[in-house]
Amino acid sequence: MYRGEEPASSRFSVWDITSGLPADSLEEDERQEARHLRDLRGRVKLARAVVSTTAGLAETLAADWTRAALFYARFAISEVQFWQGVPAGICVDRMSSKSFDSESWSTTRP
């Protein structure tokens, strides 16, 4: 044990363990992505709980797009995420190379 009470794994920071090179920090990036995905799913779950416990809110969201937009913005989620959920392995609210390919969204198709 390090310093008497702390576990041995807390001796070193991520920077100490890796050399700071992108290949060395891939595991940390994966952990960060997993945390972000858990957080996003938690916000979707919370928004769904609010809708299910508030009488008439589902109808209001369906009828008034401005209130719906404000509701989704409050939870930092999209309407699609609210209704369909957040798929595993895709981070929808961050446009990264993993989830967004500009060539696939091109308007000019051959």
N, C-alpha and C. Protein backbone atom coordinates (compact mmCIF):
# COMPACT_ATOMS: atom_id res chain seq x y z
N MET A 1 0.84 -1.19 0.00
CA MET A 1 0.00 0.00 0.00
C MET A 1 0.88 1.24 0.00
N TYR A 2 0.41 2.24 -0.67
CA TYR A 2 1.14 3.49 -0.80
C TYR A 2 0.59 4.48 0.21
N ARG A 3 1.44 5.14 0.94
CA ARG A 3 1.08 6.13 1.95
C ARG A 3 0.16 5.56 3.02
N GLY A 4 0.25 4.31 3.26
CA GLY A 4 -0.50 3.71 4.34
C GLY A 4 -1.94 3.35 4.03
N GLU A 5 -2.76 4.30 3.55
CA GLU A 5 -4.18 4.04 3.41
C GLU A 5 -4.66 3.97 1.96
N GLU A 6 -3.99 4.59 1.04
CA GLU A 6 -4.44 4.62 -0.35
C GLU A 6 -4.09 3.32 -1.07
N PRO A 7 -4.95 2.86 -1.97
CA PRO A 7 -4.61 1.67 -2.75
C PRO A 7 -3.43 1.95 -3.68
N ALA A 8 -2.73 0.90 -4.06
CA ALA A 8 -1.53 1.05 -4.88
C ALA A 8 -1.83 1.67 -6.23
N SER A 9 -3.04 1.48 -6.76
CA SER A 9 -3.35 2.01 -8.09
C SER A 9 -3.48 3.53 -8.10
N SER A 10 -3.66 4.17 -6.94
CA SER A 10 -3.81 5.62 -6.92
C SER A 10 -2.48 6.35 -6.78
N ARG A 11 -1.38 5.62 -6.80
CA ARG A 11 -0.07 6.25 -6.69
C ARG A 11 0.25 7.14 -7.88
N PHE A 12 -0.18 6.70 -9.05
CA PHE A 12 0.21 7.39 -10.27
C PHE A 12 -1.00 7.95 -10.98
N SER A 13 -0.84 9.12 -11.55
CA SER A 13 -1.90 9.71 -12.36
C SER A 13 -1.84 9.10 -13.76
N VAL A 14 -2.83 9.40 -14.57
CA VAL A 14 -2.85 8.91 -15.95
C VAL A 14 -1.65 9.44 -16.70
N TRP A 15 -1.27 10.67 -16.44
CA TRP A 15 -0.12 11.26 -17.11
C TRP A 15 1.17 10.52 -16.74
N ASP A 16 1.27 10.09 -15.47
CA ASP A 16 2.46 9.34 -15.04
C ASP A 16 2.53 7.97 -15.70
N ILE A 17 1.38 7.34 -15.88
CA ILE A 17 1.34 6.00 -16.44
C ILE A 17 1.63 6.01 -17.93
N THR A 18 1.09 7.00 -18.64
CA THR A 18 1.30 7.08 -20.09
C THR A 18 2.40 8.08 -20.39
N SER A 19 2.92 8.01 -21.58
CA SER A 19 3.94 8.97 -21.97
C SER A 19 3.33 10.23 -22.57
N GLY A 20 2.00 10.29 -22.61
CA GLY A 20 1.34 11.43 -23.19
C GLY A 20 1.10 11.30 -24.67
N LEU A 21 1.54 10.22 -25.27
CA LEU A 21 1.34 10.00 -26.69
C LEU A 21 -0.08 9.48 -26.93
N PRO A 22 -0.67 9.78 -28.08
CA PRO A 22 -2.04 9.36 -28.35
C PRO A 22 -2.26 7.86 -28.23
N ALA A 23 -1.32 7.04 -28.66
CA ALA A 23 -1.50 5.59 -28.59
C ALA A 23 -1.52 5.12 -27.14
N ASP A 24 -0.76 5.78 -26.28
CA ASP A 24 -0.70 5.39 -24.88
C ASP A 24 -1.97 5.77 -24.11
N SER A 25 -2.67 6.79 -24.56
CA SER A 25 -3.84 7.25 -23.82
C SER A 25 -5.14 6.71 -24.42
N LEU A 26 -5.07 5.72 -25.28
CA LEU A 26 -6.27 5.16 -25.90
C LEU A 26 -7.20 4.57 -24.85
N GLU A 27 -6.65 3.89 -23.87
CA GLU A 27 -7.48 3.30 -22.82
C GLU A 27 -8.20 4.37 -22.02
N GLU A 28 -7.53 5.46 -21.73
CA GLU A 28 -8.17 6.56 -21.02
C GLU A 28 -9.27 7.19 -21.87
N ASP A 29 -9.04 7.31 -23.17
CA ASP A 29 -10.06 7.83 -24.06
C ASP A 29 -11.30 6.94 -24.07
N GLU A 30 -11.08 5.62 -24.04
CA GLU A 30 -12.20 4.69 -24.00
C GLU A 30 -12.97 4.81 -22.70
N ARG A 31 -12.26 4.99 -21.59
CA ARG A 31 -12.95 5.18 -20.31
C ARG A 31 -13.73 6.47 -20.30
N GLN A 32 -13.17 7.53 -20.87
CA GLN A 32 -13.85 8.81 -20.93
C GLN A 32 -15.10 8.71 -21.80
N GLU A 33 -15.01 8.01 -22.91
CA GLU A 33 -16.15 7.81 -23.79
C GLU A 33 -17.25 7.01 -23.08
N ALA A 34 -16.85 6.00 -22.31
CA ALA A 34 -17.81 5.20 -21.55
C ALA A 34 -18.52 6.05 -20.49
N ARG A 35 -17.75 6.92 -19.82
CA ARG A 35 -18.37 7.82 -18.83
C ARG A 35 -19.35 8.76 -19.50
N HIS A 36 -18.97 9.29 -20.66
CA HIS A 36 -19.84 10.21 -21.38
C HIS A 36 -21.13 9.50 -21.81
N LEU A 37 -21.01 8.27 -22.29
CA LEU A 37 -22.17 7.51 -22.72
C LEU A 37 -23.09 7.22 -21.54
N ARG A 38 -22.52 6.86 -20.38
CA ARG A 38 -23.33 6.63 -19.17
C ARG A 38 -24.05 7.91 -18.77
N ASP A 39 -23.36 9.04 -18.84
CA ASP A 39 -23.96 10.32 -18.48
C ASP A 39 -25.11 10.66 -19.42
N LEU A 40 -24.90 10.46 -20.70
CA LEU A 40 -25.94 10.74 -21.70
C LEU A 40 -27.16 9.86 -21.47
N ARG A 41 -26.94 8.57 -21.24
CA ARG A 41 -28.05 7.67 -20.97
C ARG A 41 -28.78 8.04 -19.69
N GLY A 42 -28.05 8.52 -18.70
CA GLY A 42 -28.68 8.97 -17.46
C GLY A 42 -29.57 10.18 -17.68
N ARG A 43 -29.12 11.11 -18.52
CA ARG A 43 -29.95 12.29 -18.82
C ARG A 43 -31.22 11.89 -19.57
N VAL A 44 -31.11 10.92 -20.49
CA VAL A 44 -32.29 10.44 -21.23
C VAL A 44 -33.25 9.77 -20.25
N LYS A 45 -32.72 8.96 -19.36
CA LYS A 45 -33.55 8.27 -18.39
C LYS A 45 -34.26 9.26 -17.47
N LEU A 46 -33.57 10.30 -17.05
CA LEU A 46 -34.16 11.33 -16.20
C LEU A 46 -35.26 12.08 -16.94
N ALA A 47 -35.01 12.43 -18.19
CA ALA A 47 -36.03 13.14 -18.98
C ALA A 47 -37.27 12.28 -19.16
N ARG A 48 -37.09 10.99 -19.41
CA ARG A 48 -38.24 10.09 -19.55
C ARG A 48 -39.00 9.96 -18.23
N ALA A 49 -38.28 9.97 -17.11
CA ALA A 49 -38.94 9.89 -15.81
C ALA A 49 -39.78 11.15 -15.55
N VAL A 50 -39.26 12.30 -15.94
CA VAL A 50 -40.01 13.54 -15.77
C VAL A 50 -41.29 13.51 -16.59
N VAL A 51 -41.20 13.04 -17.82
CA VAL A 51 -42.37 12.96 -18.69
C VAL A 51 -43.40 11.98 -18.12
N SER A 52 -42.92 10.85 -17.61
CA SER A 52 -43.86 9.85 -17.11
C SER A 52 -44.53 10.26 -15.81
N THR A 53 -43.92 11.15 -15.05
CA THR A 53 -44.52 11.57 -13.77
C THR A 53 -45.25 12.90 -13.86
N THR A 54 -45.18 13.59 -14.99
CA THR A 54 -45.85 14.88 -15.15
C THR A 54 -47.04 14.70 -16.09
N ALA A 55 -48.22 14.93 -15.56
CA ALA A 55 -49.44 14.73 -16.35
C ALA A 55 -49.50 15.71 -17.52
N GLY A 56 -49.75 15.18 -18.70
CA GLY A 56 -49.94 16.00 -19.90
C GLY A 56 -48.66 16.47 -20.58
N LEU A 57 -47.53 16.15 -20.02
CA LEU A 57 -46.28 16.65 -20.61
C LEU A 57 -45.98 15.97 -21.94
N ALA A 58 -46.27 14.71 -22.07
CA ALA A 58 -46.02 14.00 -23.34
C ALA A 58 -46.84 14.62 -24.46
N GLU A 59 -48.08 14.96 -24.17
CA GLU A 59 -48.93 15.59 -25.18
C GLU A 59 -48.43 16.99 -25.53
N THR A 60 -47.96 17.72 -24.54
CA THR A 60 -47.41 19.06 -24.78
C THR A 60 -46.17 18.99 -25.66
N LEU A 61 -45.30 18.02 -25.39
CA LEU A 61 -44.09 17.87 -26.20
C LEU A 61 -44.44 17.53 -27.64
N ALA A 62 -45.48 16.73 -27.83
CA ALA A 62 -45.88 16.35 -29.18
C ALA A 62 -46.55 17.50 -29.92
N ALA A 63 -47.25 18.36 -29.20
CA ALA A 63 -48.03 19.43 -29.83
C ALA A 63 -47.25 20.72 -30.03
N ASP A 64 -46.36 21.06 -29.12
CA ASP A 64 -45.68 22.36 -29.16
C ASP A 64 -44.17 22.15 -29.32
N TRP A 65 -43.66 22.40 -30.52
CA TRP A 65 -42.26 22.13 -30.80
C TRP A 65 -41.32 23.05 -30.04
N THR A 66 -41.76 24.28 -29.72
CA THR A 66 -40.87 25.19 -28.99
C THR A 66 -40.68 24.72 -27.55
N ARG A 67 -41.74 24.28 -26.92
CA ARG A 67 -41.61 23.75 -25.56
C ARG A 67 -40.82 22.45 -25.57
N ALA A 68 -41.03 21.64 -26.59
CA ALA A 68 -40.28 20.40 -26.71
C ALA A 68 -38.79 20.68 -26.85
N ALA A 69 -38.44 21.66 -27.69
CA ALA A 69 -37.03 22.02 -27.88
C ALA A 69 -36.41 22.50 -26.58
N LEU A 70 -37.14 23.31 -25.82
CA LEU A 70 -36.62 23.78 -24.53
C LEU A 70 -36.48 22.63 -23.54
N PHE A 71 -37.43 21.70 -23.54
CA PHE A 71 -37.36 20.55 -22.66
C PHE A 71 -36.13 19.70 -22.97
N TYR A 72 -35.92 19.38 -24.25
CA TYR A 72 -34.75 18.57 -24.62
C TYR A 72 -33.44 19.30 -24.33
N ALA A 73 -33.43 20.60 -24.53
CA ALA A 73 -32.22 21.38 -24.26
C ALA A 73 -31.90 21.40 -22.76
N ARG A 74 -32.93 21.39 -21.93
CA ARG A 74 -32.71 21.38 -20.49
C ARG A 74 -31.92 20.14 -20.06
N PHE A 75 -32.17 19.04 -20.72
CA PHE A 75 -31.47 17.80 -20.39
C PHE A 75 -30.27 17.54 -21.31
N ALA A 76 -30.01 18.44 -22.24
CA ALA A 76 -28.89 18.33 -23.19
C ALA A 76 -28.97 17.02 -23.98
N ILE A 77 -30.16 16.73 -24.48
CA ILE A 77 -30.39 15.55 -25.30
C ILE A 77 -31.14 15.98 -26.54
N SER A 78 -31.21 15.10 -27.53
CA SER A 78 -32.00 15.39 -28.72
C SER A 78 -33.33 14.66 -28.63
N GLU A 79 -34.25 15.05 -29.48
CA GLU A 79 -35.56 14.40 -29.50
C GLU A 79 -35.42 12.92 -29.88
N VAL A 80 -34.54 12.63 -30.81
CA VAL A 80 -34.31 11.24 -31.23
C VAL A 80 -33.77 10.42 -30.07
N GLN A 81 -32.84 10.97 -29.32
CA GLN A 81 -32.30 10.26 -28.16
C GLN A 81 -33.40 10.00 -27.13
N PHE A 82 -34.29 10.96 -26.95
CA PHE A 82 -35.37 10.80 -25.98
C PHE A 82 -36.30 9.66 -26.38
N TRP A 83 -36.71 9.62 -27.63
CA TRP A 83 -37.68 8.63 -28.07
C TRP A 83 -37.07 7.28 -28.39
N GLN A 84 -35.85 7.25 -28.91
CA GLN A 84 -35.26 5.99 -29.36
C GLN A 84 -34.14 5.48 -28.47
N GLY A 85 -33.65 6.29 -27.56
CA GLY A 85 -32.56 5.88 -26.70
C GLY A 85 -31.20 6.17 -27.31
N VAL A 86 -30.16 5.82 -26.59
CA VAL A 86 -28.79 6.06 -27.03
C VAL A 86 -28.15 4.72 -27.37
N PRO A 87 -27.80 4.50 -28.63
CA PRO A 87 -27.19 3.21 -28.99
C PRO A 87 -25.78 3.06 -28.41
N ALA A 88 -25.40 1.85 -28.16
CA ALA A 88 -24.07 1.57 -27.61
C ALA A 88 -22.99 1.84 -28.65
N GLY A 89 -21.90 2.41 -28.22
CA GLY A 89 -20.75 2.61 -29.10
C GLY A 89 -20.82 3.84 -29.97
N ILE A 90 -21.91 4.59 -29.91
CA ILE A 90 -22.02 5.80 -30.72
C ILE A 90 -22.30 6.97 -29.81
N CYS A 91 -21.51 7.99 -29.96
CA CYS A 91 -21.72 9.21 -29.20
C CYS A 91 -22.39 10.20 -30.14
N VAL A 92 -23.69 10.34 -30.02
CA VAL A 92 -24.47 11.10 -30.98
C VAL A 92 -24.31 12.60 -30.81
N ASP A 93 -24.15 13.06 -29.58
CA ASP A 93 -24.14 14.51 -29.42
C ASP A 93 -22.76 15.13 -29.59
N ARG A 94 -21.74 14.34 -29.83
CA ARG A 94 -20.42 14.87 -30.19
C ARG A 94 -20.08 14.38 -31.57
N MET A 95 -19.78 15.29 -32.48
CA MET A 95 -19.46 14.90 -33.84
C MET A 95 -18.00 14.50 -33.91
N SER A 96 -17.74 13.24 -33.69
CA SER A 96 -16.38 12.72 -33.77
C SER A 96 -16.24 11.87 -35.01
N SER A 97 -15.03 11.48 -35.31
CA SER A 97 -14.81 10.67 -36.50
C SER A 97 -15.44 9.30 -36.36
N LYS A 98 -15.72 8.86 -35.13
CA LYS A 98 -16.34 7.56 -34.93
C LYS A 98 -17.82 7.59 -35.32
N SER A 99 -18.50 8.71 -35.06
CA SER A 99 -19.95 8.75 -35.26
C SER A 99 -20.38 9.60 -36.45
N PHE A 100 -19.48 10.34 -37.05
CA PHE A 100 -19.86 11.24 -38.11
C PHE A 100 -18.82 11.20 -39.22
N ASP A 101 -19.26 10.90 -40.39
CA ASP A 101 -18.38 10.87 -41.55
C ASP A 101 -18.94 11.87 -42.55
N SER A 102 -18.24 12.95 -42.80
CA SER A 102 -18.76 14.01 -43.66
C SER A 102 -19.02 13.52 -45.07
N GLU A 103 -18.27 12.53 -45.53
CA GLU A 103 -18.51 12.02 -46.88
C GLU A 103 -19.83 11.26 -46.97
N SER A 104 -20.21 10.60 -45.89
CA SER A 104 -21.46 9.85 -45.92
C SER A 104 -22.69 10.76 -45.89
N TRP A 105 -22.50 12.02 -45.48
CA TRP A 105 -23.61 12.97 -45.42
C TRP A 105 -23.59 13.94 -46.60
N SER A 106 -22.80 13.67 -47.57
CA SER A 106 -22.70 14.54 -48.74
C SER A 106 -24.04 14.60 -49.49
N THR A 107 -24.39 15.80 -49.95
CA THR A 107 -25.65 15.95 -50.67
C THR A 107 -25.51 15.60 -52.15
N THR A 108 -24.29 15.56 -52.63
CA THR A 108 -24.08 15.22 -54.03
C THR A 108 -23.65 13.77 -54.13
N ARG A 109 -24.57 12.94 -54.56
CA ARG A 109 -24.29 11.51 -54.71
C ARG A 109 -24.13 11.18 -56.19
N PRO A 110 -23.22 10.28 -56.56
CA PRO A 110 -23.05 9.92 -57.97
C PRO A 110 -24.21 9.09 -58.48
